Amino acid sequence: MDKLTKEQRRKAMQNIHSKDTSIEMVLRSALWSKGYRYRKNYKELPGKPDIAMTKYRIAIFCDGEFFHGKDWEVLRPQLQRGKNGDYWISKISRNRERDDEINKKLLFLGWTVIRFWGNEIKKNPYECVKIIEETIFDQKVSRDYYCDQD
């Protein structure tokens, strides 16, 4: 059951943005301070990644736990018991399906996809940057390996 009135819920939902969210800003700031450059909400790619590192072909998404269904096996039964559960289950299920579709499209285009949960970014943005750096390093190593094989 919703603890907010309809008007309070409407205002809360209006404040949810798809661009420049606080978690995106934190991660972008951490990347920028380490000297990495990127595109934000890159329209040239499927799903408009929150951060696109075109030089390395890395697409990064900053996903909110609720709307992207973190711990879905736990969240789904909770939503079933709640008010308007069918709506939320349908919405979050579709978001999860869309995330999978976008991942596949980007992989097909030769991009590496990294998805971070909002709380991961908030708690330790530099750990997220470290994961991105490891991905860049792995790409360089594999590229060098294949170049040496020629």
N, C-alpha and C. Protein backbone atom coordinates (compact mmCIF):
# COMPACT_ATOMS: atom_id res chain seq x y z
N MET A 1 0.84 -1.19 0.00
CA MET A 1 0.00 0.00 0.00
C MET A 1 0.88 1.24 0.00
N ASP A 2 0.50 2.20 -0.81
CA ASP A 2 1.27 3.43 -0.95
C ASP A 2 1.05 4.32 0.26
N LYS A 3 2.14 4.80 0.83
CA LYS A 3 2.06 5.65 2.02
C LYS A 3 1.85 7.11 1.66
N LEU A 4 1.94 7.43 0.37
CA LEU A 4 1.76 8.81 -0.08
C LEU A 4 0.38 8.99 -0.71
N THR A 5 -0.10 10.24 -0.67
CA THR A 5 -1.35 10.54 -1.35
C THR A 5 -1.09 10.53 -2.86
N LYS A 6 -2.16 10.56 -3.65
CA LYS A 6 -1.99 10.57 -5.10
C LYS A 6 -1.19 11.80 -5.54
N GLU A 7 -1.46 12.94 -4.94
CA GLU A 7 -0.75 14.18 -5.30
C GLU A 7 0.73 14.08 -4.92
N GLN A 8 1.03 13.55 -3.74
CA GLN A 8 2.43 13.39 -3.32
C GLN A 8 3.16 12.42 -4.23
N ARG A 9 2.50 11.33 -4.60
CA ARG A 9 3.12 10.35 -5.49
C ARG A 9 3.38 10.96 -6.87
N ARG A 10 2.41 11.75 -7.37
CA ARG A 10 2.57 12.40 -8.67
C ARG A 10 3.79 13.32 -8.66
N LYS A 11 3.93 14.11 -7.61
CA LYS A 11 5.08 15.03 -7.52
C LYS A 11 6.39 14.25 -7.41
N ALA A 12 6.38 13.17 -6.66
CA ALA A 12 7.59 12.35 -6.52
C ALA A 12 7.98 11.76 -7.87
N MET A 13 7.01 11.27 -8.62
CA MET A 13 7.30 10.66 -9.91
C MET A 13 7.76 11.71 -10.93
N GLN A 14 7.27 12.94 -10.83
CA GLN A 14 7.70 14.00 -11.73
C GLN A 14 9.17 14.35 -11.53
N ASN A 15 9.67 14.11 -10.34
CA ASN A 15 11.07 14.44 -10.03
C ASN A 15 12.05 13.36 -10.47
N ILE A 16 11.56 12.28 -11.04
CA ILE A 16 12.44 11.23 -11.54
C ILE A 16 12.81 11.59 -12.98
N HIS A 17 14.10 11.78 -13.19
CA HIS A 17 14.57 12.20 -14.51
C HIS A 17 15.32 11.05 -15.18
N SER A 18 15.35 11.10 -16.51
CA SER A 18 16.06 10.05 -17.23
C SER A 18 17.48 10.49 -17.60
N LYS A 19 17.77 11.77 -17.50
CA LYS A 19 19.09 12.29 -17.82
C LYS A 19 19.65 13.05 -16.62
N ASP A 20 20.98 13.04 -16.54
CA ASP A 20 21.68 13.80 -15.50
C ASP A 20 21.18 13.46 -14.09
N THR A 21 20.95 12.18 -13.84
CA THR A 21 20.55 11.76 -12.51
C THR A 21 21.74 11.91 -11.56
N SER A 22 21.48 11.88 -10.29
CA SER A 22 22.56 12.07 -9.32
C SER A 22 23.62 10.97 -9.44
N ILE A 23 23.20 9.74 -9.71
CA ILE A 23 24.18 8.66 -9.83
C ILE A 23 25.04 8.83 -11.09
N GLU A 24 24.42 9.31 -12.18
CA GLU A 24 25.20 9.57 -13.39
C GLU A 24 26.23 10.66 -13.13
N MET A 25 25.81 11.71 -12.45
CA MET A 25 26.69 12.84 -12.18
C MET A 25 27.89 12.41 -11.33
N VAL A 26 27.64 11.55 -10.35
CA VAL A 26 28.73 11.07 -9.50
C VAL A 26 29.73 10.27 -10.31
N LEU A 27 29.25 9.35 -11.13
CA LEU A 27 30.15 8.52 -11.93
C LEU A 27 30.89 9.36 -12.98
N ARG A 28 30.17 10.25 -13.63
CA ARG A 28 30.83 11.11 -14.63
C ARG A 28 31.92 11.96 -13.99
N SER A 29 31.64 12.48 -12.83
CA SER A 29 32.63 13.30 -12.13
C SER A 29 33.87 12.49 -11.80
N ALA A 30 33.67 11.26 -11.33
CA ALA A 30 34.81 10.39 -10.99
C ALA A 30 35.62 10.05 -12.25
N LEU A 31 34.95 9.78 -13.36
CA LEU A 31 35.65 9.49 -14.62
C LEU A 31 36.43 10.72 -15.10
N TRP A 32 35.79 11.87 -15.05
CA TRP A 32 36.42 13.11 -15.52
C TRP A 32 37.66 13.43 -14.69
N SER A 33 37.56 13.24 -13.38
CA SER A 33 38.71 13.55 -12.50
C SER A 33 39.89 12.63 -12.77
N LYS A 34 39.63 11.44 -13.33
CA LYS A 34 40.70 10.50 -13.68
C LYS A 34 41.21 10.75 -15.10
N GLY A 35 40.64 11.74 -15.79
CA GLY A 35 41.11 12.09 -17.11
C GLY A 35 40.41 11.40 -18.26
N TYR A 36 39.33 10.68 -17.99
CA TYR A 36 38.60 9.99 -19.05
C TYR A 36 37.56 10.93 -19.65
N ARG A 37 37.43 10.87 -20.95
CA ARG A 37 36.45 11.68 -21.65
C ARG A 37 35.38 10.77 -22.23
N TYR A 38 34.20 11.31 -22.38
CA TYR A 38 33.04 10.49 -22.74
C TYR A 38 31.96 11.36 -23.37
N ARG A 39 30.97 10.70 -23.89
CA ARG A 39 29.75 11.35 -24.36
C ARG A 39 28.64 10.97 -23.38
N LYS A 40 27.74 11.88 -23.12
CA LYS A 40 26.63 11.53 -22.24
C LYS A 40 25.35 11.41 -23.04
N ASN A 41 24.54 10.43 -22.68
CA ASN A 41 23.28 10.14 -23.36
C ASN A 41 23.47 10.12 -24.87
N TYR A 42 24.36 9.26 -25.30
CA TYR A 42 24.83 9.21 -26.68
C TYR A 42 23.75 8.67 -27.61
N LYS A 43 23.14 9.54 -28.38
CA LYS A 43 21.98 9.21 -29.21
C LYS A 43 22.31 8.30 -30.40
N GLU A 44 23.60 8.21 -30.74
CA GLU A 44 23.99 7.40 -31.89
C GLU A 44 23.88 5.89 -31.61
N LEU A 45 23.73 5.52 -30.36
CA LEU A 45 23.69 4.11 -29.98
C LEU A 45 22.32 3.70 -29.46
N PRO A 46 21.97 2.43 -29.62
CA PRO A 46 20.71 1.94 -29.06
C PRO A 46 20.69 2.14 -27.54
N GLY A 47 19.58 2.59 -27.04
CA GLY A 47 19.42 2.76 -25.60
C GLY A 47 20.00 4.05 -25.05
N LYS A 48 20.62 4.86 -25.89
CA LYS A 48 21.25 6.11 -25.47
C LYS A 48 21.99 5.93 -24.14
N PRO A 49 23.13 5.24 -24.15
CA PRO A 49 23.86 4.99 -22.90
C PRO A 49 24.09 6.27 -22.10
N ASP A 50 24.01 6.15 -20.78
CA ASP A 50 24.24 7.30 -19.91
C ASP A 50 25.63 7.87 -20.16
N ILE A 51 26.60 6.98 -20.34
CA ILE A 51 27.97 7.38 -20.62
C ILE A 51 28.48 6.48 -21.75
N ALA A 52 29.02 7.10 -22.79
CA ALA A 52 29.60 6.34 -23.90
C ALA A 52 31.05 6.79 -24.06
N MET A 53 31.95 5.84 -23.90
CA MET A 53 33.37 6.13 -24.10
C MET A 53 33.70 5.66 -25.52
N THR A 54 33.52 6.56 -26.48
CA THR A 54 33.62 6.20 -27.89
C THR A 54 35.01 5.70 -28.26
N LYS A 55 36.04 6.25 -27.65
CA LYS A 55 37.42 5.83 -27.95
C LYS A 55 37.61 4.34 -27.66
N TYR A 56 36.95 3.86 -26.62
CA TYR A 56 37.11 2.46 -26.20
C TYR A 56 35.90 1.59 -26.56
N ARG A 57 34.87 2.21 -27.12
CA ARG A 57 33.63 1.51 -27.46
C ARG A 57 33.02 0.83 -26.23
N ILE A 58 32.90 1.63 -25.17
CA ILE A 58 32.28 1.15 -23.93
C ILE A 58 31.02 1.96 -23.68
N ALA A 59 29.90 1.27 -23.49
CA ALA A 59 28.61 1.89 -23.16
C ALA A 59 28.31 1.60 -21.70
N ILE A 60 28.06 2.66 -20.94
CA ILE A 60 27.85 2.51 -19.49
C ILE A 60 26.44 2.99 -19.15
N PHE A 61 25.74 2.16 -18.39
CA PHE A 61 24.40 2.51 -17.92
C PHE A 61 24.41 2.57 -16.40
N CYS A 62 23.75 3.58 -15.85
CA CYS A 62 23.60 3.75 -14.42
C CYS A 62 22.14 3.45 -14.09
N ASP A 63 21.88 2.26 -13.58
CA ASP A 63 20.51 1.79 -13.39
C ASP A 63 20.04 1.96 -11.95
N GLY A 64 18.83 2.48 -11.79
CA GLY A 64 18.22 2.54 -10.48
C GLY A 64 17.71 1.17 -10.07
N GLU A 65 17.87 0.84 -8.82
CA GLU A 65 17.52 -0.50 -8.35
C GLU A 65 16.05 -0.84 -8.56
N PHE A 66 15.15 0.09 -8.27
CA PHE A 66 13.72 -0.23 -8.37
C PHE A 66 13.28 -0.38 -9.82
N PHE A 67 13.53 0.62 -10.64
CA PHE A 67 13.00 0.64 -12.00
C PHE A 67 13.64 -0.40 -12.91
N HIS A 68 14.83 -0.87 -12.56
CA HIS A 68 15.48 -1.89 -13.39
C HIS A 68 15.46 -3.27 -12.72
N GLY A 69 14.78 -3.37 -11.58
CA GLY A 69 14.48 -4.67 -10.99
C GLY A 69 15.66 -5.40 -10.36
N LYS A 70 16.45 -4.69 -9.57
CA LYS A 70 17.53 -5.39 -8.85
C LYS A 70 16.89 -6.38 -7.87
N ASP A 71 17.50 -7.54 -7.72
CA ASP A 71 16.96 -8.59 -6.85
C ASP A 71 15.50 -8.87 -7.19
N TRP A 72 15.24 -9.08 -8.47
CA TRP A 72 13.89 -9.24 -8.99
C TRP A 72 13.14 -10.38 -8.33
N GLU A 73 13.84 -11.44 -7.96
CA GLU A 73 13.18 -12.58 -7.33
C GLU A 73 12.61 -12.19 -5.96
N VAL A 74 13.20 -11.20 -5.33
CA VAL A 74 12.71 -10.71 -4.02
C VAL A 74 11.68 -9.61 -4.23
N LEU A 75 11.96 -8.71 -5.17
CA LEU A 75 11.10 -7.54 -5.39
C LEU A 75 9.74 -7.92 -5.97
N ARG A 76 9.73 -8.85 -6.89
CA ARG A 76 8.48 -9.21 -7.57
C ARG A 76 7.38 -9.67 -6.60
N PRO A 77 7.67 -10.61 -5.68
CA PRO A 77 6.62 -10.99 -4.73
C PRO A 77 6.14 -9.83 -3.84
N GLN A 78 7.05 -8.94 -3.52
CA GLN A 78 6.66 -7.78 -2.72
C GLN A 78 5.69 -6.90 -3.49
N LEU A 79 5.97 -6.72 -4.78
CA LEU A 79 5.08 -5.91 -5.61
C LEU A 79 3.73 -6.58 -5.79
N GLN A 80 3.71 -7.91 -5.88
CA GLN A 80 2.45 -8.63 -6.05
C GLN A 80 1.52 -8.39 -4.87
N ARG A 81 2.09 -8.26 -3.69
CA ARG A 81 1.28 -8.03 -2.50
C ARG A 81 0.84 -6.58 -2.37
N GLY A 82 1.52 -5.68 -3.07
CA GLY A 82 1.24 -4.25 -2.93
C GLY A 82 0.12 -3.77 -3.81
N LYS A 83 -0.23 -2.52 -3.59
CA LYS A 83 -1.26 -1.87 -4.39
C LYS A 83 -0.70 -1.59 -5.78
N ASN A 84 -1.49 -1.83 -6.81
CA ASN A 84 -1.10 -1.59 -8.19
C ASN A 84 0.08 -2.48 -8.61
N GLY A 85 0.17 -3.65 -8.02
CA GLY A 85 1.27 -4.57 -8.26
C GLY A 85 1.41 -5.02 -9.70
N ASP A 86 0.27 -5.29 -10.35
CA ASP A 86 0.32 -5.74 -11.75
C ASP A 86 0.98 -4.70 -12.64
N TYR A 87 0.67 -3.42 -12.40
CA TYR A 87 1.26 -2.34 -13.18
C TYR A 87 2.78 -2.33 -13.02
N TRP A 88 3.25 -2.36 -11.77
CA TRP A 88 4.69 -2.27 -11.52
C TRP A 88 5.43 -3.50 -12.02
N ILE A 89 4.84 -4.67 -11.86
CA ILE A 89 5.49 -5.89 -12.35
C ILE A 89 5.63 -5.83 -13.86
N SER A 90 4.57 -5.39 -14.55
CA SER A 90 4.62 -5.27 -15.99
C SER A 90 5.66 -4.24 -16.42
N LYS A 91 5.68 -3.09 -15.76
CA LYS A 91 6.60 -2.01 -16.12
C LYS A 91 8.05 -2.43 -15.91
N ILE A 92 8.37 -2.99 -14.76
CA ILE A 92 9.75 -3.37 -14.45
C ILE A 92 10.18 -4.56 -15.30
N SER A 93 9.28 -5.49 -15.55
CA SER A 93 9.61 -6.63 -16.42
C SER A 93 9.97 -6.14 -17.81
N ARG A 94 9.20 -5.20 -18.31
CA ARG A 94 9.50 -4.65 -19.64
C ARG A 94 10.84 -3.91 -19.63
N ASN A 95 11.12 -3.16 -18.57
CA ASN A 95 12.42 -2.47 -18.46
C ASN A 95 13.56 -3.48 -18.51
N ARG A 96 13.40 -4.58 -17.80
CA ARG A 96 14.45 -5.61 -17.77
C ARG A 96 14.63 -6.23 -19.16
N GLU A 97 13.52 -6.50 -19.84
CA GLU A 97 13.60 -7.04 -21.20
C GLU A 97 14.30 -6.06 -22.13
N ARG A 98 13.93 -4.78 -22.02
CA ARG A 98 14.53 -3.75 -22.86
C ARG A 98 16.03 -3.64 -22.59
N ASP A 99 16.44 -3.72 -21.33
CA ASP A 99 17.86 -3.69 -20.98
C ASP A 99 18.60 -4.83 -21.68
N ASP A 100 18.02 -6.03 -21.66
CA ASP A 100 18.64 -7.18 -22.34
C ASP A 100 18.73 -6.96 -23.85
N GLU A 101 17.66 -6.43 -24.44
CA GLU A 101 17.65 -6.16 -25.89
C GLU A 101 18.74 -5.16 -26.26
N ILE A 102 18.85 -4.10 -25.48
CA ILE A 102 19.85 -3.07 -25.74
C ILE A 102 21.26 -3.64 -25.59
N ASN A 103 21.47 -4.44 -24.54
CA ASN A 103 22.79 -5.07 -24.36
C ASN A 103 23.17 -5.89 -25.60
N LYS A 104 22.22 -6.68 -26.10
CA LYS A 104 22.49 -7.52 -27.27
C LYS A 104 22.80 -6.69 -28.51
N LYS A 105 22.03 -5.62 -28.72
CA LYS A 105 22.27 -4.75 -29.88
C LYS A 105 23.66 -4.12 -29.80
N LEU A 106 24.02 -3.63 -28.63
CA LEU A 106 25.33 -2.98 -28.47
C LEU A 106 26.46 -3.98 -28.66
N LEU A 107 26.30 -5.17 -28.10
CA LEU A 107 27.32 -6.21 -28.27
C LEU A 107 27.48 -6.56 -29.75
N PHE A 108 26.37 -6.65 -30.47
CA PHE A 108 26.40 -6.95 -31.90
C PHE A 108 27.16 -5.86 -32.66
N LEU A 109 27.05 -4.60 -32.19
CA LEU A 109 27.74 -3.48 -32.83
C LEU A 109 29.21 -3.38 -32.41
N GLY A 110 29.63 -4.29 -31.54
CA GLY A 110 31.03 -4.29 -31.12
C GLY A 110 31.34 -3.44 -29.90
N TRP A 111 30.32 -3.09 -29.15
CA TRP A 111 30.52 -2.29 -27.94
C TRP A 111 30.52 -3.20 -26.72
N THR A 112 31.27 -2.79 -25.71
CA THR A 112 31.25 -3.46 -24.41
C THR A 112 30.23 -2.72 -23.55
N VAL A 113 29.37 -3.46 -22.89
CA VAL A 113 28.32 -2.86 -22.07
C VAL A 113 28.64 -3.09 -20.59
N ILE A 114 28.59 -2.01 -19.82
CA ILE A 114 28.76 -2.10 -18.38
C ILE A 114 27.54 -1.46 -17.74
N ARG A 115 26.94 -2.18 -16.81
CA ARG A 115 25.79 -1.64 -16.07
C ARG A 115 26.13 -1.61 -14.59
N PHE A 116 25.90 -0.45 -13.99
CA PHE A 116 26.11 -0.29 -12.56
C PHE A 116 24.78 0.02 -11.88
N TRP A 117 24.60 -0.52 -10.68
CA TRP A 117 23.44 -0.16 -9.86
C TRP A 117 23.73 1.17 -9.17
N GLY A 118 22.69 1.93 -8.95
CA GLY A 118 22.83 3.24 -8.33
C GLY A 118 23.57 3.22 -7.02
N ASN A 119 23.25 2.25 -6.16
CA ASN A 119 23.91 2.20 -4.85
C ASN A 119 25.39 1.87 -4.97
N GLU A 120 25.78 1.08 -5.98
CA GLU A 120 27.20 0.80 -6.21
C GLU A 120 27.94 2.10 -6.49
N ILE A 121 27.33 2.94 -7.32
CA ILE A 121 27.94 4.20 -7.70
C ILE A 121 28.02 5.14 -6.50
N LYS A 122 26.92 5.24 -5.76
CA LYS A 122 26.89 6.14 -4.61
C LYS A 122 27.90 5.75 -3.54
N LYS A 123 27.98 4.45 -3.26
CA LYS A 123 28.87 3.99 -2.18
C LYS A 123 30.33 4.09 -2.55
N ASN A 124 30.68 3.76 -3.79
CA ASN A 124 32.09 3.77 -4.16
C ASN A 124 32.27 4.02 -5.66
N PRO A 125 32.17 5.29 -6.06
CA PRO A 125 32.29 5.58 -7.49
C PRO A 125 33.65 5.20 -8.07
N TYR A 126 34.70 5.28 -7.26
CA TYR A 126 36.03 4.96 -7.79
C TYR A 126 36.22 3.45 -7.99
N GLU A 127 35.44 2.65 -7.31
CA GLU A 127 35.45 1.21 -7.59
C GLU A 127 34.82 0.96 -8.97
N CYS A 128 33.79 1.73 -9.29
CA CYS A 128 33.17 1.63 -10.61
C CYS A 128 34.15 2.07 -11.69
N VAL A 129 34.88 3.15 -11.42
CA VAL A 129 35.90 3.62 -12.37
C VAL A 129 36.96 2.54 -12.56
N LYS A 130 37.33 1.87 -11.48
CA LYS A 130 38.33 0.80 -11.56
C LYS A 130 37.84 -0.32 -12.48
N ILE A 131 36.57 -0.67 -12.41
CA ILE A 131 36.00 -1.70 -13.28
C ILE A 131 36.08 -1.24 -14.74
N ILE A 132 35.79 0.04 -14.98
CA ILE A 132 35.88 0.59 -16.34
C ILE A 132 37.33 0.55 -16.82
N GLU A 133 38.26 0.91 -15.95
CA GLU A 133 39.68 0.89 -16.31
C GLU A 133 40.15 -0.53 -16.63
N GLU A 134 39.67 -1.51 -15.87
CA GLU A 134 40.03 -2.90 -16.15
C GLU A 134 39.49 -3.34 -17.51
N THR A 135 38.30 -2.87 -17.84
CA THR A 135 37.71 -3.19 -19.15
C THR A 135 38.56 -2.58 -20.27
N ILE A 136 38.99 -1.34 -20.08
CA ILE A 136 39.85 -0.68 -21.08
C ILE A 136 41.15 -1.45 -21.22
N PHE A 137 41.74 -1.84 -20.10
CA PHE A 137 43.00 -2.59 -20.12
C PHE A 137 42.82 -3.92 -20.86
N ASP A 138 41.74 -4.63 -20.54
CA ASP A 138 41.48 -5.92 -21.20
C ASP A 138 41.33 -5.75 -22.71
N GLN A 139 40.68 -4.67 -23.12
CA GLN A 139 40.51 -4.42 -24.55
C GLN A 139 41.87 -4.16 -25.21
N LYS A 140 42.71 -3.38 -24.55
CA LYS A 140 44.04 -3.09 -25.10
C LYS A 140 44.87 -4.36 -25.22
N VAL A 141 44.82 -5.21 -24.20
CA VAL A 141 45.59 -6.45 -24.21
C VAL A 141 45.11 -7.35 -25.35
N SER A 142 43.80 -7.51 -25.50
CA SER A 142 43.29 -8.38 -26.55
C SER A 142 43.57 -7.79 -27.94
N ARG A 143 43.49 -6.47 -28.07
CA ARG A 143 43.79 -5.82 -29.35
C ARG A 143 45.26 -6.03 -29.71
N ASP A 144 46.15 -5.86 -28.74
CA ASP A 144 47.58 -6.07 -28.97
C ASP A 144 47.86 -7.52 -29.34
N TYR A 145 47.16 -8.44 -28.67
CA TYR A 145 47.33 -9.86 -28.96
C TYR A 145 46.97 -10.17 -30.41
N TYR A 146 45.81 -9.66 -30.85
CA TYR A 146 45.37 -9.95 -32.21
C TYR A 146 46.23 -9.23 -33.24
N CYS A 147 46.75 -8.05 -32.90
CA CYS A 147 47.63 -7.33 -33.83
C CYS A 147 48.95 -8.08 -33.99
N ASP A 148 49.45 -8.69 -32.92
CA ASP A 148 50.70 -9.44 -32.98
C ASP A 148 50.56 -10.71 -33.80
N GLN A 149 49.34 -11.22 -33.92
CA GLN A 149 49.11 -12.47 -34.65
C GLN A 149 49.21 -12.28 -36.17
N ASP A 150 49.11 -11.04 -36.63
CA ASP A 150 49.15 -10.79 -38.09
C ASP A 150 50.49 -11.04 -38.69
